[in-house]
Amino acid sequence: MKILCISGSASKTSSNVKFLNAIANHLSAHHTTEVYEGLYNFPLFTPERLNEGVPEQINLLRDRIINADLIIISTPEYNHNVPAVLKNMLEWLTDSGELFSKKVLPITFTPKAPRGEHALRSFQMSLKAQKANIISEANFYKTDVQFVDDIILLPEDIKLMFDGLLEV
């Protein structure tokens, strides 16, 4: 299975990227994985920009999405919602429809409970509007994992959750 992991964070040093790298590393034993973290480079979506032509970096992400069997998108929670860069990505994808029927696993990765819950609900509404095939959902917290030298180590229960989810 080809799995594309997308960080919905606006930070270049995001813990969401580190979390996705840990997930991708674990899943790479049985799947092809890639972590994409460049949403902060996208220009702001406007209908005028769409009519002028889609920027190359957005077309490259669209191709990655089309070629993936599963998309895992991890987001932090900013003001009880998803970051603007993630919403911007969704707006660039709305017209072209890459997420239509695509298997998507939306997750949050935040400091501690209950953060992430509002962002996940908002994110799911956007994914449903694009008719993505949401296969599950999960809130994860920094307290669930171990950081060693700025790398995240996944505990066995999280590894087993992903293994079980991808057996379906």
N, C-alpha and C. Protein backbone atom coordinates (compact mmCIF):
# COMPACT_ATOMS: atom_id res chain seq x y z
N MET A 1 0.85 -1.17 0.00
CA MET A 1 0.00 0.00 0.00
C MET A 1 0.89 1.24 0.00
N LYS A 2 0.52 2.24 -0.79
CA LYS A 2 1.24 3.51 -0.81
C LYS A 2 0.53 4.48 0.12
N ILE A 3 1.26 4.94 1.14
CA ILE A 3 0.69 5.81 2.16
C ILE A 3 1.39 7.16 2.11
N LEU A 4 0.58 8.21 1.94
CA LEU A 4 1.08 9.58 1.98
C LEU A 4 0.66 10.20 3.29
N CYS A 5 1.64 10.66 4.06
CA CYS A 5 1.39 11.34 5.34
C CYS A 5 1.60 12.84 5.12
N ILE A 6 0.61 13.63 5.50
CA ILE A 6 0.68 15.08 5.31
C ILE A 6 0.60 15.77 6.66
N SER A 7 1.56 16.64 6.93
CA SER A 7 1.52 17.44 8.15
C SER A 7 0.70 18.69 7.89
N GLY A 8 -0.30 18.90 8.72
CA GLY A 8 -1.14 20.09 8.61
C GLY A 8 -0.64 21.25 9.43
N SER A 9 0.59 21.18 9.88
CA SER A 9 1.15 22.23 10.72
C SER A 9 1.76 23.36 9.89
N ALA A 10 1.75 24.54 10.45
CA ALA A 10 2.37 25.70 9.82
C ALA A 10 3.84 25.84 10.23
N SER A 11 4.32 24.99 11.10
CA SER A 11 5.68 25.09 11.62
C SER A 11 6.64 24.17 10.88
N LYS A 12 7.80 24.69 10.54
CA LYS A 12 8.82 23.88 9.88
C LYS A 12 9.47 22.88 10.84
N THR A 13 9.33 23.11 12.13
CA THR A 13 9.88 22.19 13.14
C THR A 13 8.76 21.49 13.91
N SER A 14 7.68 21.23 13.25
CA SER A 14 6.47 20.71 13.86
C SER A 14 6.64 19.33 14.50
N SER A 15 6.03 19.16 15.66
CA SER A 15 5.97 17.84 16.26
C SER A 15 5.04 16.93 15.46
N ASN A 16 4.13 17.51 14.68
CA ASN A 16 3.28 16.69 13.81
C ASN A 16 4.11 16.00 12.74
N VAL A 17 5.11 16.68 12.20
CA VAL A 17 6.01 16.06 11.22
C VAL A 17 6.78 14.92 11.90
N LYS A 18 7.27 15.16 13.08
CA LYS A 18 8.01 14.13 13.81
C LYS A 18 7.12 12.92 14.11
N PHE A 19 5.88 13.18 14.46
CA PHE A 19 4.94 12.10 14.73
C PHE A 19 4.66 11.31 13.45
N LEU A 20 4.43 12.01 12.35
CA LEU A 20 4.20 11.33 11.08
C LEU A 20 5.43 10.55 10.63
N ASN A 21 6.61 11.08 10.87
CA ASN A 21 7.84 10.34 10.54
C ASN A 21 7.91 9.05 11.33
N ALA A 22 7.52 9.09 12.59
CA ALA A 22 7.53 7.87 13.42
C ALA A 22 6.51 6.86 12.89
N ILE A 23 5.33 7.34 12.50
CA ILE A 23 4.30 6.46 11.94
C ILE A 23 4.79 5.87 10.62
N ALA A 24 5.30 6.73 9.75
CA ALA A 24 5.78 6.27 8.43
C ALA A 24 6.92 5.27 8.59
N ASN A 25 7.81 5.53 9.52
CA ASN A 25 8.91 4.60 9.77
C ASN A 25 8.39 3.23 10.20
N HIS A 26 7.42 3.22 11.09
CA HIS A 26 6.83 1.96 11.53
C HIS A 26 6.13 1.24 10.38
N LEU A 27 5.33 1.97 9.61
CA LEU A 27 4.55 1.36 8.52
C LEU A 27 5.40 0.96 7.33
N SER A 28 6.59 1.54 7.21
CA SER A 28 7.43 1.27 6.03
C SER A 28 7.92 -0.18 5.97
N ALA A 29 7.77 -0.93 7.05
CA ALA A 29 8.16 -2.35 7.02
C ALA A 29 7.28 -3.14 6.05
N HIS A 30 6.02 -2.68 5.86
CA HIS A 30 5.09 -3.41 5.01
C HIS A 30 4.42 -2.54 3.94
N HIS A 31 4.72 -1.24 3.94
CA HIS A 31 4.07 -0.32 3.01
C HIS A 31 5.09 0.69 2.50
N THR A 32 4.76 1.33 1.39
CA THR A 32 5.56 2.44 0.89
C THR A 32 5.01 3.72 1.52
N THR A 33 5.87 4.47 2.19
CA THR A 33 5.41 5.66 2.91
C THR A 33 6.19 6.89 2.48
N GLU A 34 5.51 8.03 2.57
CA GLU A 34 6.14 9.33 2.31
C GLU A 34 5.51 10.35 3.25
N VAL A 35 6.34 11.23 3.80
CA VAL A 35 5.84 12.31 4.65
C VAL A 35 6.00 13.62 3.89
N TYR A 36 4.88 14.34 3.74
CA TYR A 36 4.88 15.63 3.05
C TYR A 36 4.68 16.72 4.10
N GLU A 37 5.55 17.73 4.05
CA GLU A 37 5.47 18.76 5.08
C GLU A 37 5.57 20.18 4.53
N GLY A 38 5.22 20.40 3.28
CA GLY A 38 5.43 21.71 2.67
C GLY A 38 4.21 22.60 2.52
N LEU A 39 3.16 22.37 3.28
CA LEU A 39 1.95 23.18 3.09
C LEU A 39 2.18 24.66 3.35
N TYR A 40 3.15 24.99 4.20
CA TYR A 40 3.42 26.39 4.52
C TYR A 40 4.00 27.15 3.33
N ASN A 41 4.37 26.44 2.25
CA ASN A 41 4.88 27.10 1.04
C ASN A 41 3.79 27.41 0.02
N PHE A 42 2.58 26.93 0.25
CA PHE A 42 1.51 27.15 -0.71
C PHE A 42 1.04 28.60 -0.70
N PRO A 43 0.77 29.16 -1.88
CA PRO A 43 0.17 30.49 -1.91
C PRO A 43 -1.27 30.40 -1.40
N LEU A 44 -1.77 31.50 -0.91
CA LEU A 44 -3.15 31.55 -0.42
C LEU A 44 -4.11 31.28 -1.57
N PHE A 45 -5.05 30.36 -1.35
CA PHE A 45 -6.03 30.05 -2.37
C PHE A 45 -6.99 31.23 -2.55
N THR A 46 -7.24 31.58 -3.80
CA THR A 46 -8.31 32.50 -4.17
C THR A 46 -8.88 32.01 -5.50
N PRO A 47 -10.14 32.25 -5.77
CA PRO A 47 -10.67 31.85 -7.08
C PRO A 47 -9.90 32.47 -8.25
N GLU A 48 -9.42 33.69 -8.05
CA GLU A 48 -8.64 34.34 -9.11
C GLU A 48 -7.35 33.58 -9.39
N ARG A 49 -6.67 33.16 -8.33
CA ARG A 49 -5.43 32.39 -8.52
C ARG A 49 -5.71 31.05 -9.20
N LEU A 50 -6.82 30.44 -8.83
CA LEU A 50 -7.19 29.18 -9.46
C LEU A 50 -7.39 29.38 -10.96
N ASN A 51 -8.05 30.48 -11.33
CA ASN A 51 -8.29 30.78 -12.74
C ASN A 51 -7.02 31.13 -13.50
N GLU A 52 -6.01 31.62 -12.78
CA GLU A 52 -4.73 31.97 -13.41
C GLU A 52 -3.86 30.74 -13.65
N GLY A 53 -4.19 29.64 -13.01
CA GLY A 53 -3.39 28.43 -13.15
C GLY A 53 -2.87 27.97 -11.81
N VAL A 54 -2.88 26.68 -11.60
CA VAL A 54 -2.48 26.10 -10.32
C VAL A 54 -0.96 26.07 -10.23
N PRO A 55 -0.41 26.57 -9.12
CA PRO A 55 1.05 26.54 -8.93
C PRO A 55 1.59 25.11 -8.94
N GLU A 56 2.82 24.97 -9.40
CA GLU A 56 3.45 23.66 -9.58
C GLU A 56 3.49 22.85 -8.28
N GLN A 57 3.81 23.48 -7.13
CA GLN A 57 3.92 22.70 -5.89
C GLN A 57 2.57 22.10 -5.50
N ILE A 58 1.48 22.74 -5.87
CA ILE A 58 0.16 22.19 -5.58
C ILE A 58 -0.13 21.03 -6.52
N ASN A 59 0.23 21.18 -7.79
CA ASN A 59 0.06 20.07 -8.73
C ASN A 59 0.87 18.85 -8.31
N LEU A 60 2.06 19.08 -7.77
CA LEU A 60 2.90 17.96 -7.31
C LEU A 60 2.23 17.23 -6.14
N LEU A 61 1.63 17.99 -5.21
CA LEU A 61 0.92 17.35 -4.10
C LEU A 61 -0.31 16.62 -4.63
N ARG A 62 -1.03 17.22 -5.56
CA ARG A 62 -2.18 16.54 -6.16
C ARG A 62 -1.78 15.19 -6.74
N ASP A 63 -0.66 15.14 -7.44
CA ASP A 63 -0.18 13.88 -8.01
C ASP A 63 0.13 12.86 -6.92
N ARG A 64 0.76 13.32 -5.84
CA ARG A 64 1.07 12.41 -4.74
C ARG A 64 -0.22 11.82 -4.14
N ILE A 65 -1.23 12.68 -4.00
CA ILE A 65 -2.51 12.23 -3.44
C ILE A 65 -3.16 11.21 -4.38
N ILE A 66 -3.18 11.52 -5.66
CA ILE A 66 -3.78 10.60 -6.64
C ILE A 66 -3.10 9.24 -6.59
N ASN A 67 -1.79 9.22 -6.45
CA ASN A 67 -1.03 7.96 -6.49
C ASN A 67 -1.00 7.22 -5.16
N ALA A 68 -1.51 7.81 -4.10
CA ALA A 68 -1.51 7.16 -2.80
C ALA A 68 -2.77 6.32 -2.62
N ASP A 69 -2.63 5.23 -1.89
CA ASP A 69 -3.78 4.40 -1.54
C ASP A 69 -4.46 4.90 -0.27
N LEU A 70 -3.68 5.55 0.58
CA LEU A 70 -4.18 6.07 1.85
C LEU A 70 -3.46 7.38 2.16
N ILE A 71 -4.22 8.34 2.68
CA ILE A 71 -3.65 9.62 3.11
C ILE A 71 -3.85 9.72 4.62
N ILE A 72 -2.76 9.89 5.35
CA ILE A 72 -2.83 10.16 6.79
C ILE A 72 -2.48 11.63 6.95
N ILE A 73 -3.40 12.40 7.52
CA ILE A 73 -3.15 13.83 7.72
C ILE A 73 -3.20 14.12 9.20
N SER A 74 -2.10 14.64 9.71
CA SER A 74 -1.99 14.98 11.13
C SER A 74 -2.03 16.49 11.29
N THR A 75 -2.85 16.94 12.22
CA THR A 75 -2.97 18.38 12.43
C THR A 75 -2.88 18.73 13.91
N PRO A 76 -2.25 19.86 14.20
CA PRO A 76 -2.37 20.41 15.55
C PRO A 76 -3.71 21.14 15.64
N GLU A 77 -3.98 21.71 16.79
CA GLU A 77 -5.20 22.50 16.95
C GLU A 77 -4.79 23.94 17.22
N TYR A 78 -5.26 24.84 16.36
CA TYR A 78 -5.03 26.27 16.51
C TYR A 78 -6.38 26.93 16.77
N ASN A 79 -6.55 27.52 17.93
CA ASN A 79 -7.80 28.21 18.25
C ASN A 79 -9.03 27.35 18.00
N HIS A 80 -8.97 26.10 18.44
CA HIS A 80 -10.07 25.15 18.29
C HIS A 80 -10.37 24.80 16.84
N ASN A 81 -9.38 24.90 15.98
CA ASN A 81 -9.59 24.59 14.57
C ASN A 81 -8.28 24.09 13.97
N VAL A 82 -8.32 23.79 12.67
CA VAL A 82 -7.10 23.39 11.96
C VAL A 82 -6.32 24.63 11.58
N PRO A 83 -5.01 24.49 11.40
CA PRO A 83 -4.20 25.64 10.97
C PRO A 83 -4.63 26.12 9.57
N ALA A 84 -4.40 27.38 9.31
CA ALA A 84 -4.76 27.98 8.02
C ALA A 84 -4.09 27.26 6.85
N VAL A 85 -2.86 26.76 7.04
CA VAL A 85 -2.18 26.09 5.92
C VAL A 85 -2.90 24.82 5.50
N LEU A 86 -3.49 24.11 6.46
CA LEU A 86 -4.24 22.90 6.13
C LEU A 86 -5.55 23.25 5.44
N LYS A 87 -6.24 24.24 5.93
CA LYS A 87 -7.48 24.70 5.29
C LYS A 87 -7.18 25.19 3.88
N ASN A 88 -6.06 25.87 3.71
CA ASN A 88 -5.65 26.35 2.39
C ASN A 88 -5.43 25.18 1.43
N MET A 89 -4.78 24.12 1.90
CA MET A 89 -4.58 22.94 1.06
C MET A 89 -5.93 22.36 0.62
N LEU A 90 -6.85 22.25 1.57
CA LEU A 90 -8.17 21.70 1.25
C LEU A 90 -8.88 22.56 0.21
N GLU A 91 -8.72 23.86 0.29
CA GLU A 91 -9.36 24.74 -0.68
C GLU A 91 -8.75 24.56 -2.07
N TRP A 92 -7.41 24.37 -2.15
CA TRP A 92 -6.78 24.12 -3.45
C TRP A 92 -7.25 22.80 -4.04
N LEU A 93 -7.63 21.83 -3.21
CA LEU A 93 -8.05 20.51 -3.69
C LEU A 93 -9.54 20.42 -4.00
N THR A 94 -10.32 21.38 -3.55
CA THR A 94 -11.77 21.30 -3.70
C THR A 94 -12.19 21.20 -5.16
N ASP A 95 -11.69 22.07 -5.99
CA ASP A 95 -12.11 22.13 -7.39
C ASP A 95 -11.67 20.90 -8.18
N SER A 96 -10.49 20.39 -7.89
CA SER A 96 -9.94 19.28 -8.67
C SER A 96 -10.37 17.91 -8.17
N GLY A 97 -10.78 17.80 -6.91
CA GLY A 97 -11.39 16.58 -6.40
C GLY A 97 -10.50 15.40 -6.09
N GLU A 98 -9.22 15.61 -5.80
CA GLU A 98 -8.32 14.48 -5.50
C GLU A 98 -8.76 13.67 -4.28
N LEU A 99 -9.47 14.28 -3.35
CA LEU A 99 -9.86 13.56 -2.14
C LEU A 99 -11.16 12.78 -2.30
N PHE A 100 -11.85 12.96 -3.42
CA PHE A 100 -13.11 12.25 -3.65
C PHE A 100 -12.87 10.74 -3.59
N SER A 101 -13.53 10.08 -2.66
CA SER A 101 -13.45 8.63 -2.43
C SER A 101 -12.06 8.14 -1.99
N LYS A 102 -11.13 9.05 -1.77
CA LYS A 102 -9.79 8.67 -1.33
C LYS A 102 -9.85 8.27 0.15
N LYS A 103 -9.17 7.16 0.50
CA LYS A 103 -9.10 6.75 1.90
C LYS A 103 -8.24 7.75 2.66
N VAL A 104 -8.83 8.32 3.72
CA VAL A 104 -8.14 9.32 4.52
C VAL A 104 -8.27 8.97 6.00
N LEU A 105 -7.17 9.11 6.70
CA LEU A 105 -7.16 8.94 8.14
C LEU A 105 -6.77 10.29 8.76
N PRO A 106 -7.76 11.05 9.26
CA PRO A 106 -7.42 12.31 9.92
C PRO A 106 -7.05 12.06 11.38
N ILE A 107 -5.93 12.65 11.80
CA ILE A 107 -5.51 12.52 13.19
C ILE A 107 -5.05 13.88 13.70
N THR A 108 -5.07 14.02 15.00
CA THR A 108 -4.50 15.22 15.62
C THR A 108 -3.33 14.78 16.49
N PHE A 109 -2.38 15.69 16.64
CA PHE A 109 -1.26 15.46 17.55
C PHE A 109 -1.03 16.77 18.28
N THR A 110 -1.41 16.78 19.56
CA THR A 110 -1.39 18.00 20.36
C THR A 110 -0.73 17.71 21.71
N PRO A 111 -0.46 18.77 22.50
CA PRO A 111 0.23 18.55 23.77
C PRO A 111 -0.48 17.62 24.75
N LYS A 112 -1.79 17.83 24.97
CA LYS A 112 -2.49 16.99 25.95
C LYS A 112 -4.00 17.09 25.71
N ALA A 113 -4.72 16.11 26.25
CA ALA A 113 -6.18 16.08 26.14
C ALA A 113 -6.76 17.28 26.89
N PRO A 114 -7.85 17.84 26.42
CA PRO A 114 -8.68 17.44 25.29
C PRO A 114 -8.35 18.19 23.99
N ARG A 115 -7.20 18.83 23.94
CA ARG A 115 -6.86 19.57 22.71
C ARG A 115 -6.88 18.64 21.52
N GLY A 116 -7.24 19.15 20.39
CA GLY A 116 -7.32 18.37 19.17
C GLY A 116 -8.73 17.97 18.80
N GLU A 117 -9.60 17.86 19.79
CA GLU A 117 -10.96 17.39 19.52
C GLU A 117 -11.74 18.34 18.62
N HIS A 118 -11.63 19.64 18.86
CA HIS A 118 -12.34 20.62 18.03
C HIS A 118 -11.77 20.64 16.61
N ALA A 119 -10.45 20.58 16.52
CA ALA A 119 -9.82 20.59 15.19
C ALA A 119 -10.23 19.36 14.40
N LEU A 120 -10.30 18.21 15.05
CA LEU A 120 -10.67 16.99 14.36
C LEU A 120 -12.10 17.07 13.82
N ARG A 121 -13.02 17.61 14.62
CA ARG A 121 -14.41 17.75 14.16
C ARG A 121 -14.49 18.68 12.94
N SER A 122 -13.80 19.80 13.01
CA SER A 122 -13.78 20.75 11.89
C SER A 122 -13.16 20.11 10.65
N PHE A 123 -12.06 19.42 10.85
CA PHE A 123 -11.35 18.78 9.76
C PHE A 123 -12.23 17.72 9.07
N GLN A 124 -12.94 16.94 9.87
CA GLN A 124 -13.83 15.92 9.32
C GLN A 124 -14.93 16.55 8.46
N MET A 125 -15.47 17.68 8.89
CA MET A 125 -16.49 18.35 8.09
C MET A 125 -15.94 18.74 6.72
N SER A 126 -14.72 19.25 6.69
CA SER A 126 -14.11 19.62 5.41
C SER A 126 -13.85 18.41 4.55
N LEU A 127 -13.39 17.31 5.15
CA LEU A 127 -13.14 16.08 4.39
C LEU A 127 -14.45 15.50 3.85
N LYS A 128 -15.50 15.54 4.66
CA LYS A 128 -16.80 15.04 4.22
C LYS A 128 -17.35 15.90 3.07
N ALA A 129 -17.11 17.19 3.12
CA ALA A 129 -17.56 18.08 2.04
C ALA A 129 -16.89 17.71 0.73
N GLN A 130 -15.66 17.18 0.81
CA GLN A 130 -14.95 16.76 -0.39
C GLN A 130 -15.18 15.28 -0.70
N LYS A 131 -16.07 14.66 0.07
CA LYS A 131 -16.44 13.25 -0.13
C LYS A 131 -15.26 12.28 -0.01
N ALA A 132 -14.34 12.61 0.90
CA ALA A 132 -13.24 11.70 1.20
C ALA A 132 -13.80 10.49 1.95
N ASN A 133 -13.14 9.37 1.82
CA ASN A 133 -13.52 8.14 2.51
C ASN A 133 -12.75 8.09 3.83
N ILE A 134 -13.35 8.62 4.89
CA ILE A 134 -12.70 8.68 6.20
C ILE A 134 -12.77 7.28 6.82
N ILE A 135 -11.61 6.63 6.94
CA ILE A 135 -11.59 5.24 7.40
C ILE A 135 -11.60 5.11 8.92
N SER A 136 -11.19 6.16 9.61
CA SER A 136 -11.19 6.19 11.06
C SER A 136 -10.77 7.59 11.47
N GLU A 137 -10.47 7.78 12.74
CA GLU A 137 -10.00 9.05 13.25
C GLU A 137 -9.30 8.79 14.57
N ALA A 138 -8.45 9.71 14.98
CA ALA A 138 -7.79 9.53 16.29
C ALA A 138 -7.17 10.83 16.76
N ASN A 139 -7.26 11.04 18.06
CA ASN A 139 -6.53 12.13 18.71
C ASN A 139 -5.35 11.51 19.43
N PHE A 140 -4.16 12.04 19.17
CA PHE A 140 -2.96 11.60 19.85
C PHE A 140 -2.36 12.80 20.59
N TYR A 141 -1.60 12.49 21.63
CA TYR A 141 -1.04 13.55 22.47
C TYR A 141 0.44 13.30 22.71
N LYS A 142 1.16 14.38 22.93
CA LYS A 142 2.59 14.27 23.20
C LYS A 142 2.86 13.42 24.43
N THR A 143 1.89 13.34 25.32
CA THR A 143 2.05 12.52 26.51
C THR A 143 1.92 11.02 26.18
N ASP A 144 1.46 10.68 24.97
CA ASP A 144 1.32 9.28 24.54
C ASP A 144 2.63 8.69 24.02
N VAL A 145 3.59 9.54 23.69
CA VAL A 145 4.80 9.09 23.01
C VAL A 145 6.03 9.48 23.81
N GLN A 146 7.16 8.95 23.37
CA GLN A 146 8.43 9.28 24.01
C GLN A 146 9.29 10.04 23.01
N PHE A 147 9.87 11.14 23.45
CA PHE A 147 10.80 11.92 22.63
C PHE A 147 12.22 11.55 23.04
N VAL A 148 13.04 11.14 22.07
CA VAL A 148 14.45 10.83 22.32
C VAL A 148 15.26 11.56 21.25
N ASP A 149 16.07 12.50 21.70
CA ASP A 149 16.89 13.29 20.77
C ASP A 149 16.05 13.89 19.64
N ASP A 150 14.92 14.46 19.98
CA ASP A 150 14.04 15.14 19.04
C ASP A 150 13.38 14.18 18.04
N ILE A 151 13.41 12.89 18.33
CA ILE A 151 12.74 11.87 17.52
C ILE A 151 11.64 11.26 18.39
N ILE A 152 10.51 10.97 17.78
CA ILE A 152 9.40 10.37 18.52
C ILE A 152 9.47 8.85 18.39
N LEU A 153 9.35 8.20 19.53
CA LEU A 153 9.25 6.74 19.57
C LEU A 153 7.80 6.38 19.87
N LEU A 154 7.21 5.54 19.02
CA LEU A 154 5.82 5.14 19.21
C LEU A 154 5.73 3.99 20.20
N PRO A 155 4.79 4.08 21.13
CA PRO A 155 4.57 2.93 22.03
C PRO A 155 3.86 1.81 21.26
N GLU A 156 3.91 0.63 21.80
CA GLU A 156 3.35 -0.55 21.13
C GLU A 156 1.86 -0.40 20.84
N ASP A 157 1.09 0.23 21.75
CA ASP A 157 -0.34 0.33 21.51
C ASP A 157 -0.66 1.17 20.28
N ILE A 158 0.11 2.22 20.02
CA ILE A 158 -0.11 3.02 18.82
C ILE A 158 0.32 2.24 17.57
N LYS A 159 1.43 1.54 17.66
CA LYS A 159 1.85 0.70 16.53
C LYS A 159 0.78 -0.33 16.20
N LEU A 160 0.25 -0.99 17.22
CA LEU A 160 -0.78 -2.00 17.01
C LEU A 160 -2.05 -1.40 16.43
N MET A 161 -2.40 -0.18 16.85
CA MET A 161 -3.58 0.47 16.31
C MET A 161 -3.43 0.69 14.81
N PHE A 162 -2.26 1.19 14.38
CA PHE A 162 -2.03 1.42 12.95
C PHE A 162 -1.98 0.09 12.20
N ASP A 163 -1.32 -0.91 12.76
CA ASP A 163 -1.27 -2.23 12.12
C ASP A 163 -2.66 -2.79 11.92
N GLY A 164 -3.48 -2.72 12.95
CA GLY A 164 -4.85 -3.23 12.87
C GLY A 164 -5.70 -2.46 11.88
N LEU A 165 -5.53 -1.17 11.84
CA LEU A 165 -6.31 -0.33 10.94
C LEU A 165 -5.98 -0.65 9.49
N LEU A 166 -4.73 -0.92 9.20
CA LEU A 166 -4.32 -1.16 7.83
C LEU A 166 -4.51 -2.60 7.37
N GLU A 167 -4.93 -3.47 8.27
CA GLU A 167 -5.27 -4.84 7.88
C GLU A 167 -6.61 -4.89 7.16
N VAL A 168 -7.41 -3.84 7.38
CA VAL A 168 -8.76 -3.82 6.80
C VAL A 168 -8.73 -3.80 5.30
